[in-house]
Structures are given as structure tokens and as C-alpha cells.
N, C-alpha and C. Protein backbone atom coordinates (compact mmCIF):
# COMPACT_ATOMS: atom_id res chain seq x y z
N MET A 1 103.04 73.18 89.67
CA MET A 1 103.31 71.92 90.33
C MET A 1 104.68 71.35 89.91
N VAL A 2 104.96 71.43 88.60
CA VAL A 2 106.22 70.91 88.08
C VAL A 2 107.38 71.66 88.71
N SER A 3 107.23 72.99 88.86
CA SER A 3 108.34 73.77 89.42
C SER A 3 108.63 73.36 90.86
N TYR A 4 107.62 72.98 91.60
CA TYR A 4 107.85 72.55 92.99
C TYR A 4 108.54 71.18 93.04
N ILE A 5 108.19 70.31 92.12
CA ILE A 5 108.85 69.00 92.05
C ILE A 5 110.33 69.19 91.70
N LEU A 6 110.60 70.07 90.72
CA LEU A 6 112.00 70.35 90.35
C LEU A 6 112.75 70.96 91.54
N SER A 7 112.06 71.83 92.28
CA SER A 7 112.69 72.45 93.46
C SER A 7 113.04 71.41 94.52
N ILE A 8 112.16 70.45 94.70
CA ILE A 8 112.42 69.40 95.71
C ILE A 8 113.64 68.58 95.29
N ILE A 9 113.71 68.20 94.02
CA ILE A 9 114.86 67.42 93.55
C ILE A 9 116.14 68.24 93.67
N ALA A 10 116.09 69.51 93.25
CA ALA A 10 117.27 70.38 93.34
C ALA A 10 117.69 70.55 94.79
N THR A 11 116.72 70.63 95.69
CA THR A 11 117.03 70.79 97.10
C THR A 11 117.73 69.56 97.65
N VAL A 12 117.24 68.39 97.30
CA VAL A 12 117.88 67.15 97.78
C VAL A 12 119.33 67.08 97.27
N LEU A 13 119.52 67.38 95.99
CA LEU A 13 120.88 67.37 95.44
C LEU A 13 121.74 68.44 96.12
N GLY A 14 121.13 69.59 96.35
CA GLY A 14 121.85 70.67 97.00
C GLY A 14 122.22 70.36 98.44
N LEU A 15 121.41 69.53 99.09
CA LEU A 15 121.74 69.12 100.45
C LEU A 15 122.97 68.22 100.47
N LEU A 16 123.11 67.42 99.44
CA LEU A 16 124.25 66.51 99.35
C LEU A 16 125.52 67.23 98.90
N GLU A 17 125.36 68.23 98.04
CA GLU A 17 126.51 68.89 97.41
C GLU A 17 127.56 69.43 98.37
N PRO A 18 127.21 70.25 99.36
CA PRO A 18 128.28 70.84 100.19
C PRO A 18 129.02 69.83 101.06
N PHE A 19 128.45 68.64 101.20
CA PHE A 19 129.12 67.62 102.01
C PHE A 19 130.06 66.76 101.17
N GLY A 20 130.13 67.03 99.87
CA GLY A 20 131.02 66.28 99.00
C GLY A 20 132.47 66.41 99.44
N LYS A 21 133.19 65.32 99.38
CA LYS A 21 134.59 65.32 99.83
C LYS A 21 135.54 65.89 98.79
N ASN A 22 135.19 65.77 97.51
CA ASN A 22 136.08 66.31 96.48
C ASN A 22 135.27 67.14 95.49
N MET A 23 135.99 67.94 94.73
CA MET A 23 135.34 68.88 93.83
C MET A 23 134.58 68.20 92.69
N ARG A 24 135.00 67.04 92.24
CA ARG A 24 134.28 66.38 91.15
C ARG A 24 132.86 66.00 91.57
N ILE A 25 132.73 65.47 92.76
CA ILE A 25 131.39 65.11 93.25
C ILE A 25 130.56 66.37 93.44
N ILE A 26 131.18 67.38 94.03
CA ILE A 26 130.48 68.65 94.25
C ILE A 26 130.01 69.23 92.92
N LEU A 27 130.87 69.21 91.91
CA LEU A 27 130.51 69.78 90.62
C LEU A 27 129.39 68.99 89.92
N LEU A 28 129.36 67.68 90.07
CA LEU A 28 128.26 66.89 89.49
C LEU A 28 126.91 67.28 90.10
N PHE A 29 126.89 67.39 91.42
CA PHE A 29 125.66 67.82 92.10
C PHE A 29 125.31 69.24 91.68
N ASN A 30 126.32 70.09 91.57
CA ASN A 30 126.09 71.49 91.23
C ASN A 30 125.50 71.62 89.83
N PHE A 31 126.03 70.87 88.88
CA PHE A 31 125.50 70.92 87.51
C PHE A 31 124.01 70.55 87.50
N THR A 32 123.69 69.43 88.12
CA THR A 32 122.30 68.95 88.11
C THR A 32 121.38 69.94 88.80
N GLY A 33 121.83 70.46 89.93
CA GLY A 33 121.02 71.44 90.66
C GLY A 33 120.81 72.71 89.85
N ASN A 34 121.87 73.22 89.21
CA ASN A 34 121.74 74.42 88.39
C ASN A 34 120.78 74.19 87.22
N PHE A 35 120.85 73.02 86.64
CA PHE A 35 119.96 72.71 85.52
C PHE A 35 118.49 72.75 85.99
N LEU A 36 118.21 72.08 87.11
CA LEU A 36 116.84 72.02 87.60
C LEU A 36 116.33 73.40 88.06
N VAL A 37 117.17 74.15 88.75
CA VAL A 37 116.78 75.49 89.18
C VAL A 37 116.56 76.39 87.96
N GLY A 38 117.41 76.24 86.93
CA GLY A 38 117.23 77.03 85.71
C GLY A 38 115.91 76.72 85.02
N VAL A 39 115.55 75.46 84.93
CA VAL A 39 114.26 75.09 84.34
C VAL A 39 113.14 75.70 85.18
N ASN A 40 113.28 75.66 86.49
CA ASN A 40 112.28 76.24 87.38
C ASN A 40 112.14 77.74 87.14
N TYR A 41 113.26 78.45 87.02
CA TYR A 41 113.19 79.89 86.73
C TYR A 41 112.49 80.13 85.39
N PHE A 42 112.80 79.31 84.41
CA PHE A 42 112.16 79.45 83.10
C PHE A 42 110.64 79.27 83.23
N LEU A 43 110.22 78.27 83.99
CA LEU A 43 108.80 78.01 84.17
C LEU A 43 108.08 79.14 84.90
N THR A 44 108.82 79.88 85.74
CA THR A 44 108.21 81.01 86.47
C THR A 44 108.49 82.34 85.78
N GLN A 45 108.94 82.30 84.51
CA GLN A 45 109.20 83.49 83.70
C GLN A 45 110.31 84.38 84.24
N SER A 46 111.22 83.84 85.03
CA SER A 46 112.36 84.58 85.56
C SER A 46 113.55 84.30 84.64
N LEU A 47 113.57 85.00 83.51
CA LEU A 47 114.52 84.69 82.45
C LEU A 47 115.97 85.01 82.83
N SER A 48 116.20 86.03 83.64
CA SER A 48 117.58 86.31 84.08
C SER A 48 118.12 85.13 84.85
N GLY A 49 117.33 84.61 85.78
CA GLY A 49 117.76 83.45 86.56
C GLY A 49 117.98 82.23 85.69
N ALA A 50 117.07 82.01 84.72
CA ALA A 50 117.19 80.86 83.83
C ALA A 50 118.45 80.96 82.98
N GLY A 51 118.72 82.14 82.43
CA GLY A 51 119.91 82.32 81.60
C GLY A 51 121.19 82.14 82.39
N ILE A 52 121.20 82.67 83.61
CA ILE A 52 122.38 82.54 84.47
C ILE A 52 122.64 81.07 84.79
N CYS A 53 121.58 80.32 85.09
CA CYS A 53 121.76 78.90 85.40
C CYS A 53 122.27 78.11 84.19
N ALA A 54 121.84 78.49 82.98
CA ALA A 54 122.32 77.82 81.78
C ALA A 54 123.82 78.04 81.60
N VAL A 55 124.27 79.28 81.79
CA VAL A 55 125.71 79.57 81.69
C VAL A 55 126.47 78.85 82.80
N ALA A 56 125.86 78.80 83.99
CA ALA A 56 126.50 78.10 85.12
C ALA A 56 126.71 76.62 84.80
N CYS A 57 125.75 76.01 84.13
CA CYS A 57 125.90 74.59 83.76
C CYS A 57 127.10 74.39 82.84
N VAL A 58 127.27 75.29 81.87
CA VAL A 58 128.41 75.19 80.96
C VAL A 58 129.71 75.38 81.74
N GLN A 59 129.73 76.37 82.64
CA GLN A 59 130.92 76.62 83.45
C GLN A 59 131.28 75.40 84.29
N VAL A 60 130.30 74.78 84.89
CA VAL A 60 130.56 73.62 85.75
C VAL A 60 131.11 72.46 84.92
N ILE A 61 130.58 72.24 83.73
CA ILE A 61 131.10 71.17 82.87
C ILE A 61 132.58 71.42 82.54
N ILE A 62 132.90 72.64 82.17
CA ILE A 62 134.29 72.97 81.84
C ILE A 62 135.19 72.77 83.06
N ASN A 63 134.75 73.25 84.20
CA ASN A 63 135.55 73.10 85.43
C ASN A 63 135.70 71.64 85.83
N TYR A 64 134.68 70.84 85.57
CA TYR A 64 134.75 69.41 85.88
C TYR A 64 135.89 68.76 85.09
N PHE A 65 136.00 69.12 83.81
CA PHE A 65 137.07 68.53 83.00
C PHE A 65 138.45 68.96 83.49
N PHE A 66 138.58 70.21 83.90
CA PHE A 66 139.86 70.65 84.46
C PHE A 66 140.16 69.87 85.73
N ASP A 67 139.17 69.74 86.61
CA ASP A 67 139.38 69.04 87.87
C ASP A 67 139.70 67.57 87.65
N SER A 68 139.06 66.94 86.66
CA SER A 68 139.31 65.52 86.40
C SER A 68 140.74 65.27 85.92
N LYS A 69 141.38 66.32 85.40
CA LYS A 69 142.78 66.20 84.97
C LYS A 69 143.72 66.80 86.01
N ASN A 70 143.17 67.09 87.20
CA ASN A 70 143.93 67.70 88.30
C ASN A 70 144.63 68.98 87.88
N LYS A 71 143.93 69.78 87.09
CA LYS A 71 144.46 71.07 86.65
C LYS A 71 143.58 72.19 87.21
N LYS A 72 144.21 73.32 87.50
CA LYS A 72 143.46 74.49 87.94
C LYS A 72 142.83 75.17 86.73
N VAL A 73 141.69 75.79 86.98
CA VAL A 73 141.04 76.57 85.93
C VAL A 73 141.90 77.81 85.67
N PRO A 74 142.27 78.06 84.39
CA PRO A 74 143.10 79.23 84.09
C PRO A 74 142.38 80.54 84.47
N LYS A 75 143.15 81.50 84.93
CA LYS A 75 142.57 82.78 85.35
C LYS A 75 141.85 83.48 84.20
N TRP A 76 142.37 83.35 82.97
CA TRP A 76 141.71 83.99 81.84
C TRP A 76 140.32 83.41 81.61
N LEU A 77 140.16 82.10 81.92
CA LEU A 77 138.86 81.46 81.73
C LEU A 77 137.86 81.97 82.77
N ILE A 78 138.33 82.25 83.96
CA ILE A 78 137.47 82.82 84.99
C ILE A 78 136.93 84.17 84.51
N GLY A 79 137.79 84.95 83.85
CA GLY A 79 137.35 86.22 83.26
C GLY A 79 136.30 86.02 82.18
N VAL A 80 136.48 84.96 81.37
CA VAL A 80 135.50 84.65 80.32
C VAL A 80 134.16 84.30 80.97
N TYR A 81 134.20 83.51 82.04
CA TYR A 81 132.96 83.16 82.75
C TYR A 81 132.23 84.41 83.22
N ALA A 82 132.97 85.31 83.87
CA ALA A 82 132.36 86.54 84.39
C ALA A 82 131.75 87.35 83.25
N LEU A 83 132.46 87.45 82.13
CA LEU A 83 131.96 88.18 80.97
C LEU A 83 130.70 87.52 80.40
N ALA A 84 130.69 86.20 80.33
CA ALA A 84 129.51 85.47 79.82
C ALA A 84 128.30 85.72 80.71
N PHE A 85 128.49 85.66 82.02
CA PHE A 85 127.39 85.94 82.94
C PHE A 85 126.89 87.37 82.79
N LEU A 86 127.81 88.30 82.65
CA LEU A 86 127.43 89.70 82.49
C LEU A 86 126.62 89.90 81.21
N MET A 87 127.05 89.29 80.12
CA MET A 87 126.34 89.42 78.84
C MET A 87 124.94 88.82 78.91
N VAL A 88 124.82 87.65 79.53
CA VAL A 88 123.50 87.02 79.65
C VAL A 88 122.59 87.89 80.51
N ASN A 89 123.14 88.39 81.62
CA ASN A 89 122.31 89.20 82.51
C ASN A 89 121.89 90.50 81.85
N LEU A 90 122.79 91.15 81.16
CA LEU A 90 122.42 92.40 80.48
C LEU A 90 121.39 92.15 79.38
N GLY A 91 121.49 90.99 78.74
CA GLY A 91 120.53 90.64 77.69
C GLY A 91 119.15 90.30 78.21
N THR A 92 119.06 89.89 79.46
CA THR A 92 117.76 89.51 80.04
C THR A 92 117.30 90.48 81.12
N PHE A 93 118.10 91.49 81.42
CA PHE A 93 117.79 92.44 82.51
C PHE A 93 116.49 93.16 82.19
N SER A 94 115.50 93.04 83.10
CA SER A 94 114.21 93.69 82.83
C SER A 94 113.61 94.36 84.06
N VAL A 95 114.00 93.95 85.24
CA VAL A 95 113.47 94.56 86.47
C VAL A 95 114.63 94.86 87.40
N TRP A 96 114.43 95.77 88.33
CA TRP A 96 115.52 96.24 89.19
C TRP A 96 116.20 95.11 89.95
N TYR A 97 115.42 94.10 90.37
CA TYR A 97 116.02 93.05 91.19
C TYR A 97 116.84 92.04 90.38
N ASP A 98 116.88 92.20 89.07
CA ASP A 98 117.79 91.38 88.27
C ASP A 98 119.25 91.67 88.62
N ILE A 99 119.49 92.75 89.35
CA ILE A 99 120.85 93.04 89.82
C ILE A 99 121.36 91.90 90.70
N PHE A 100 120.45 91.25 91.43
CA PHE A 100 120.84 90.09 92.24
C PHE A 100 121.26 88.93 91.34
N ALA A 101 120.59 88.80 90.19
CA ALA A 101 120.94 87.75 89.24
C ALA A 101 122.27 88.06 88.55
N LEU A 102 122.74 89.29 88.68
CA LEU A 102 124.07 89.64 88.18
C LEU A 102 125.14 89.39 89.24
N LEU A 103 124.84 89.72 90.47
CA LEU A 103 125.81 89.54 91.56
C LEU A 103 126.03 88.06 91.87
N ALA A 104 124.96 87.27 91.92
CA ALA A 104 125.07 85.85 92.28
C ALA A 104 126.04 85.08 91.39
N PRO A 105 125.98 85.24 90.07
CA PRO A 105 126.92 84.46 89.25
C PRO A 105 128.37 84.89 89.40
N MET A 106 128.59 86.14 89.78
CA MET A 106 129.97 86.56 90.01
C MET A 106 130.54 85.80 91.22
N LEU A 107 129.70 85.61 92.23
CA LEU A 107 130.10 84.78 93.37
C LEU A 107 130.26 83.32 92.94
N PHE A 108 129.39 82.89 92.02
CA PHE A 108 129.46 81.51 91.52
C PHE A 108 130.76 81.28 90.76
N VAL A 109 131.18 82.27 89.98
CA VAL A 109 132.45 82.16 89.25
C VAL A 109 133.58 81.91 90.24
N LEU A 110 133.60 82.67 91.31
CA LEU A 110 134.62 82.48 92.35
C LEU A 110 134.45 81.14 93.05
N CYS A 111 133.21 80.73 93.22
CA CYS A 111 132.89 79.49 93.93
C CYS A 111 133.46 78.27 93.21
N VAL A 112 133.10 78.10 91.95
CA VAL A 112 133.51 76.88 91.26
C VAL A 112 134.94 76.95 90.74
N ALA A 113 135.58 78.09 90.88
CA ALA A 113 136.99 78.20 90.50
C ALA A 113 137.89 77.70 91.63
N GLN A 114 137.32 77.35 92.76
CA GLN A 114 138.09 76.90 93.90
C GLN A 114 138.55 75.46 93.70
N SER A 115 139.73 75.17 94.18
CA SER A 115 140.20 73.79 94.16
C SER A 115 140.06 73.16 95.55
N ASP A 116 139.79 73.97 96.54
CA ASP A 116 139.62 73.51 97.92
C ASP A 116 138.13 73.60 98.27
N ALA A 117 137.55 72.49 98.67
CA ALA A 117 136.12 72.45 98.98
C ALA A 117 135.73 73.42 100.09
N LYS A 118 136.65 73.71 101.00
CA LYS A 118 136.36 74.65 102.09
C LYS A 118 136.00 76.03 101.53
N TYR A 119 136.82 76.53 100.63
CA TYR A 119 136.57 77.84 100.04
C TYR A 119 135.38 77.82 99.10
N TYR A 120 135.18 76.69 98.46
CA TYR A 120 133.99 76.51 97.63
C TYR A 120 132.74 76.74 98.47
N ARG A 121 132.69 76.14 99.65
CA ARG A 121 131.51 76.26 100.51
C ARG A 121 131.27 77.71 100.95
N ILE A 122 132.33 78.45 101.21
CA ILE A 122 132.17 79.85 101.63
C ILE A 122 131.50 80.66 100.51
N PHE A 123 132.01 80.53 99.29
CA PHE A 123 131.41 81.26 98.18
C PHE A 123 130.01 80.74 97.85
N TYR A 124 129.80 79.44 98.02
CA TYR A 124 128.49 78.84 97.74
C TYR A 124 127.43 79.39 98.69
N ALA A 125 127.78 79.53 99.97
CA ALA A 125 126.84 80.09 100.95
C ALA A 125 126.52 81.54 100.60
N SER A 126 127.53 82.30 100.21
CA SER A 126 127.33 83.70 99.81
C SER A 126 126.43 83.78 98.59
N ASN A 127 126.65 82.90 97.64
CA ASN A 127 125.84 82.85 96.43
C ASN A 127 124.38 82.55 96.76
N ALA A 128 124.15 81.62 97.67
CA ALA A 128 122.79 81.26 98.06
C ALA A 128 122.06 82.45 98.68
N ILE A 129 122.75 83.23 99.48
CA ILE A 129 122.12 84.41 100.10
C ILE A 129 121.64 85.38 99.03
N VAL A 130 122.46 85.63 98.04
CA VAL A 130 122.08 86.56 96.97
C VAL A 130 120.88 86.03 96.19
N TRP A 131 120.88 84.71 95.90
CA TRP A 131 119.73 84.12 95.19
C TRP A 131 118.46 84.18 96.03
N ILE A 132 118.59 84.10 97.34
CA ILE A 132 117.41 84.20 98.21
C ILE A 132 116.72 85.55 97.98
N PHE A 133 117.50 86.63 97.91
CA PHE A 133 116.91 87.94 97.64
C PHE A 133 116.24 87.98 96.27
N TYR A 134 116.91 87.43 95.26
CA TYR A 134 116.33 87.39 93.93
C TYR A 134 115.01 86.62 93.94
N ASP A 135 115.00 85.46 94.58
CA ASP A 135 113.80 84.62 94.63
C ASP A 135 112.63 85.33 95.30
N ILE A 136 112.92 86.07 96.36
CA ILE A 136 111.85 86.80 97.06
C ILE A 136 111.21 87.81 96.12
N PHE A 137 112.04 88.63 95.47
CA PHE A 137 111.50 89.67 94.60
C PHE A 137 110.90 89.11 93.32
N ALA A 138 111.45 88.01 92.81
CA ALA A 138 110.93 87.38 91.59
C ALA A 138 109.71 86.51 91.88
N LYS A 139 109.39 86.35 93.16
CA LYS A 139 108.28 85.49 93.59
C LYS A 139 108.45 84.06 93.08
N SER A 140 109.70 83.61 93.11
CA SER A 140 110.04 82.25 92.71
C SER A 140 110.18 81.42 93.99
N TYR A 141 109.04 81.07 94.55
CA TYR A 141 109.02 80.51 95.91
C TYR A 141 109.59 79.10 96.00
N GLY A 142 109.45 78.32 94.95
CA GLY A 142 110.08 76.99 94.96
C GLY A 142 111.59 77.12 95.05
N ASN A 143 112.15 78.01 94.24
CA ASN A 143 113.60 78.23 94.29
C ASN A 143 114.02 78.91 95.59
N LEU A 144 113.15 79.76 96.15
CA LEU A 144 113.45 80.38 97.43
C LEU A 144 113.64 79.31 98.50
N LEU A 145 112.72 78.36 98.54
CA LEU A 145 112.85 77.27 99.51
C LEU A 145 114.14 76.50 99.28
N THR A 146 114.44 76.22 98.01
CA THR A 146 115.67 75.51 97.68
C THR A 146 116.89 76.28 98.17
N HIS A 147 116.96 77.57 97.89
CA HIS A 147 118.14 78.36 98.26
C HIS A 147 118.28 78.55 99.77
N VAL A 148 117.16 78.68 100.47
CA VAL A 148 117.23 78.78 101.94
C VAL A 148 117.79 77.48 102.52
N ILE A 149 117.27 76.36 102.05
CA ILE A 149 117.75 75.06 102.54
C ILE A 149 119.21 74.85 102.16
N LEU A 150 119.59 75.24 100.95
CA LEU A 150 120.99 75.09 100.53
C LEU A 150 121.92 75.95 101.38
N PHE A 151 121.48 77.16 101.71
CA PHE A 151 122.29 78.02 102.58
C PHE A 151 122.47 77.36 103.95
N LEU A 152 121.39 76.84 104.51
CA LEU A 152 121.48 76.19 105.82
C LEU A 152 122.35 74.93 105.76
N ALA A 153 122.19 74.14 104.70
CA ALA A 153 122.99 72.93 104.57
C ALA A 153 124.47 73.26 104.38
N THR A 154 124.75 74.28 103.59
CA THR A 154 126.14 74.68 103.38
C THR A 154 126.75 75.19 104.67
N SER A 155 125.98 75.95 105.42
CA SER A 155 126.47 76.43 106.72
C SER A 155 126.78 75.27 107.65
N ALA A 156 125.90 74.27 107.64
CA ALA A 156 126.13 73.07 108.47
C ALA A 156 127.37 72.33 107.99
N ALA A 157 127.53 72.21 106.66
CA ALA A 157 128.71 71.53 106.11
C ALA A 157 129.98 72.26 106.48
N MET A 158 129.93 73.59 106.49
CA MET A 158 131.10 74.38 106.87
C MET A 158 131.47 74.09 108.33
N MET A 159 130.46 73.97 109.17
CA MET A 159 130.74 73.69 110.58
C MET A 159 131.28 72.28 110.77
N VAL A 160 130.70 71.32 110.04
CA VAL A 160 131.11 69.92 110.21
C VAL A 160 132.45 69.64 109.53
N ARG A 161 132.53 69.89 108.24
CA ARG A 161 133.72 69.54 107.46
C ARG A 161 134.89 70.48 107.73
N ASP A 162 134.63 71.77 107.69
CA ASP A 162 135.73 72.73 107.78
C ASP A 162 136.25 72.89 109.20
N ARG A 163 135.38 72.80 110.16
CA ARG A 163 135.84 72.85 111.55
C ARG A 163 136.64 71.58 111.86
N LYS A 164 136.17 70.44 111.33
CA LYS A 164 136.87 69.17 111.52
C LYS A 164 138.26 69.24 110.90
N GLN A 165 138.38 69.84 109.69
CA GLN A 165 139.68 69.98 109.04
C GLN A 165 140.61 70.86 109.86
N ASN A 166 140.07 71.92 110.45
CA ASN A 166 140.89 72.83 111.24
C ASN A 166 141.42 72.17 112.52
N THR A 167 140.61 71.29 113.12
CA THR A 167 141.04 70.62 114.35
C THR A 167 142.03 69.50 114.06
N GLU A 168 142.00 68.96 112.82
CA GLU A 168 142.93 67.89 112.46
C GLU A 168 144.33 68.42 112.15
N LYS A 169 144.45 69.70 111.89
CA LYS A 169 145.75 70.30 111.52
C LYS A 169 146.61 70.55 112.70
């Protein structure tokens, strides 16, 4: 029951996230959503997903500080993020579908390294698709619902925000 409540909260935050106008707002929603989804994975014994979400929270906090100072995330730090995700995934890898929990954070690294919300949304939608596969095989149905809704919301945000930006140019 608790996992479904966390999924509902994460879903609501995730619905708001892709419509954020700037990266700081997007990153705040992303941190909270990752935290709740990670707790949900932990509750459903999906330790690869939980570990990945914990590292994602740290990455988002670091990126938030860079963005608040209007600085780009250094390329070397993006490499550190990828290495941290790889180490966590290899340490928790236990079933074949954990490969999705390895691929998703690599997309996430690219996602939150963006300074343009348009490109953030593209990587975010791709990330959601990979998590959908993980959720299906891990039988993490609360998170599956969250990721499906987040994918649909991000797709809608891409059509609304990014198409609008293209027509304004």
C-alpha cells in the first residue's frame, strides 16, 4: 500500500516536472521523484532500481548547484556520474533485466547534464521507456504506472513547449 502511495506522489511530481520552464525547477521535481521511486523500488526488493535512484538523487543535487550558479556541468563530472551508476548497478546486478537498470541511468546522466529543457525532455522520455521495461520484468507495478504516465506527460510537454519554441523562432 505504501509503495502505491509513493508512486502516486512521484507521478504527480513527474507530471509537473517536464513542464518546468527552467532547469532548477525541473531538477527539484526530479530529485523528489527519484527519491520516492527509489524508496518504492526498495520496498519491492528491486535493489538495482533503488541504488540507481539513490545515485540519481546525488547527481541531481550536484547539477542543481551548478545550474544555480549558471555554470555547465563539467564533462569529467558526467563521466564520474556514469561510472558511479555502473558501479552501483554491477554491485546490485542479480537478474538479467537489471540491464535495463544499467541503461536507464546512462540516459539519465545525459538527461540532467542538459542546460536546455528541450533536450532534457528528449532524454527524459527515453529514460522513462527503459524504466518501463525494467518495471514490467521487476513486477514493480506502482513504478510502472508512474513511468508510463511520466512518458506520456513528457511527450505532451515536448509537443506543447518544444513545438511552441520552434514556432516562436
